[in-house]
Amino acid sequence: MDTSNPAAFVNGGLLRMHVGRKVRAVIQVIRSDVGSVIGKSTDDRQIIVKGSPPIPHTNYIEVIGVAENDNSIRAEIWTNFGDTFDPSSYDQLCQLANGEFKHLFL
């Protein structure tokens, strides 16, 4: 496993702090088009994910890629997370990974 460039855990609100860097986020798919997915982050913000999602995709997807701006990610890796998922738990993880326990994650 490559640990030289870890991906920060982010939700929609934290994305702006990581523009230009590798991030990972879980989104609930709202709409899927050719070359992009529009989704809802775990803190209920809209995120545009650019790239080719898995086909078929599930309701929840984890994406790892580069944050382009405060509401979009250029995806490198897509992982189906199933049709049921607890977004509030993931959102709490994002808060911890970017706050008091940041040193454990990056």
Protein backbone atom coordinates (compact mmCIF):
# COMPACT_ATOMS: atom_id res chain seq x y z
CA MET A 1 0.00 0.00 0.00
CA ASP A 2 1.29 3.42 -0.98
CA THR A 3 1.33 5.74 2.04
CA SER A 4 3.34 8.55 0.43
CA ASN A 5 0.25 10.55 -0.59
CA PRO A 6 -2.70 9.74 1.71
CA ALA A 7 -6.19 10.90 0.86
CA ALA A 8 -7.86 13.16 3.44
CA PHE A 9 -11.32 12.15 4.63
CA VAL A 10 -13.69 14.96 3.61
CA ASN A 11 -17.33 15.92 3.52
CA GLY A 12 -18.72 18.79 1.46
CA GLY A 13 -17.78 21.47 3.97
CA LEU A 14 -14.21 20.26 4.40
CA LEU A 15 -13.50 19.92 0.67
CA ARG A 16 -12.45 23.59 0.36
CA MET A 17 -9.58 23.00 2.82
CA HIS A 18 -8.03 20.40 0.51
CA VAL A 19 -8.24 21.94 -2.99
CA GLY A 20 -5.45 20.54 -5.16
CA ARG A 21 -4.86 17.60 -2.81
CA LYS A 22 -5.95 13.97 -2.72
CA VAL A 23 -9.24 13.41 -0.88
CA ARG A 24 -11.75 10.65 -0.21
CA ALA A 25 -15.47 11.20 0.21
CA VAL A 26 -18.65 9.16 0.32
CA ILE A 27 -21.56 10.56 -1.66
CA GLN A 28 -25.16 9.56 -2.16
CA VAL A 29 -25.75 9.52 -5.91
CA ILE A 30 -28.40 11.99 -7.04
CA ARG A 31 -27.73 11.87 -10.77
CA SER A 32 -25.24 10.09 -12.97
CA ASP A 33 -24.28 11.42 -16.39
CA VAL A 34 -21.58 10.45 -18.86
CA GLY A 35 -18.33 11.53 -17.27
CA SER A 36 -19.71 12.79 -13.97
CA VAL A 37 -21.90 12.10 -10.95
CA ILE A 38 -23.79 14.65 -8.91
CA GLY A 39 -24.15 13.55 -5.34
CA LYS A 40 -24.94 14.60 -1.80
CA SER A 41 -22.09 14.57 0.70
CA THR A 42 -22.46 13.21 4.22
CA ASP A 43 -23.11 16.77 5.44
CA ASP A 44 -25.85 17.32 2.81
CA ARG A 45 -23.87 19.46 0.36
CA GLN A 46 -23.89 18.91 -3.38
CA ILE A 47 -20.65 17.57 -4.85
CA ILE A 48 -19.82 17.02 -8.51
CA VAL A 49 -17.52 14.08 -9.13
CA LYS A 50 -15.82 14.01 -12.53
CA GLY A 51 -14.73 10.77 -14.14
CA SER A 52 -16.32 7.46 -15.10
CA PRO A 53 -18.32 5.85 -12.28
CA PRO A 54 -18.69 2.08 -12.00
CA ILE A 55 -21.55 0.58 -13.94
CA PRO A 56 -23.82 -0.33 -12.36
CA HIS A 57 -23.27 1.88 -9.34
CA THR A 58 -24.96 1.70 -5.96
CA ASN A 59 -26.75 4.46 -4.09
CA TYR A 60 -23.60 5.30 -2.08
CA ILE A 61 -20.14 5.58 -3.63
CA GLU A 62 -16.74 6.35 -2.15
CA VAL A 63 -14.50 8.40 -4.43
CA ILE A 64 -10.79 9.01 -4.09
CA GLY A 65 -9.32 11.76 -6.22
CA VAL A 66 -8.14 15.35 -6.33
CA ALA A 67 -10.31 18.17 -4.98
CA GLU A 68 -10.66 20.64 -7.86
CA ASN A 69 -12.57 23.31 -5.93
CA ASP A 70 -14.97 23.59 -3.00
CA ASN A 71 -17.61 21.37 -4.63
CA SER A 72 -15.90 19.06 -7.13
CA ILE A 73 -13.54 16.11 -7.16
CA ARG A 74 -11.69 14.59 -10.12
CA ALA A 75 -12.07 10.91 -9.25
CA GLU A 76 -9.29 8.35 -9.65
CA ILE A 77 -10.88 5.47 -7.74
CA TRP A 78 -14.60 4.68 -7.36
CA THR A 79 -15.90 2.11 -4.87
CA ASN A 80 -19.52 1.04 -4.53
CA PHE A 81 -20.61 1.29 -0.88
CA GLY A 82 -24.04 -0.30 -1.30
CA ASP A 83 -27.57 1.02 -1.12
CA THR A 84 -27.70 1.52 2.65
CA PHE A 85 -25.09 3.52 4.50
CA ASP A 86 -24.96 5.69 7.64
CA PRO A 87 -23.77 9.10 6.41
CA SER A 88 -23.74 10.63 9.90
CA SER A 89 -21.07 8.16 11.13
CA TYR A 90 -18.87 8.91 8.12
CA ASP A 91 -19.41 12.62 8.66
CA GLN A 92 -18.21 12.27 12.27
CA LEU A 93 -15.12 10.43 10.99
CA CYS A 94 -14.41 13.34 8.63
CA GLN A 95 -14.65 15.81 11.51
CA LEU A 96 -12.26 13.78 13.67
CA ALA A 97 -9.82 13.20 10.79
CA ASN A 98 -9.60 16.95 10.15
CA GLY A 99 -9.63 18.09 13.75
CA GLU A 100 -8.33 16.79 17.03
CA PHE A 101 -7.11 13.47 15.64
CA LYS A 102 -5.70 14.71 12.31
CA HIS A 103 -2.26 13.37 13.18
CA LEU A 104 -3.64 9.81 13.13
CA PHE A 105 -4.94 10.11 9.58
CA LEU A 106 -2.33 12.08 7.60
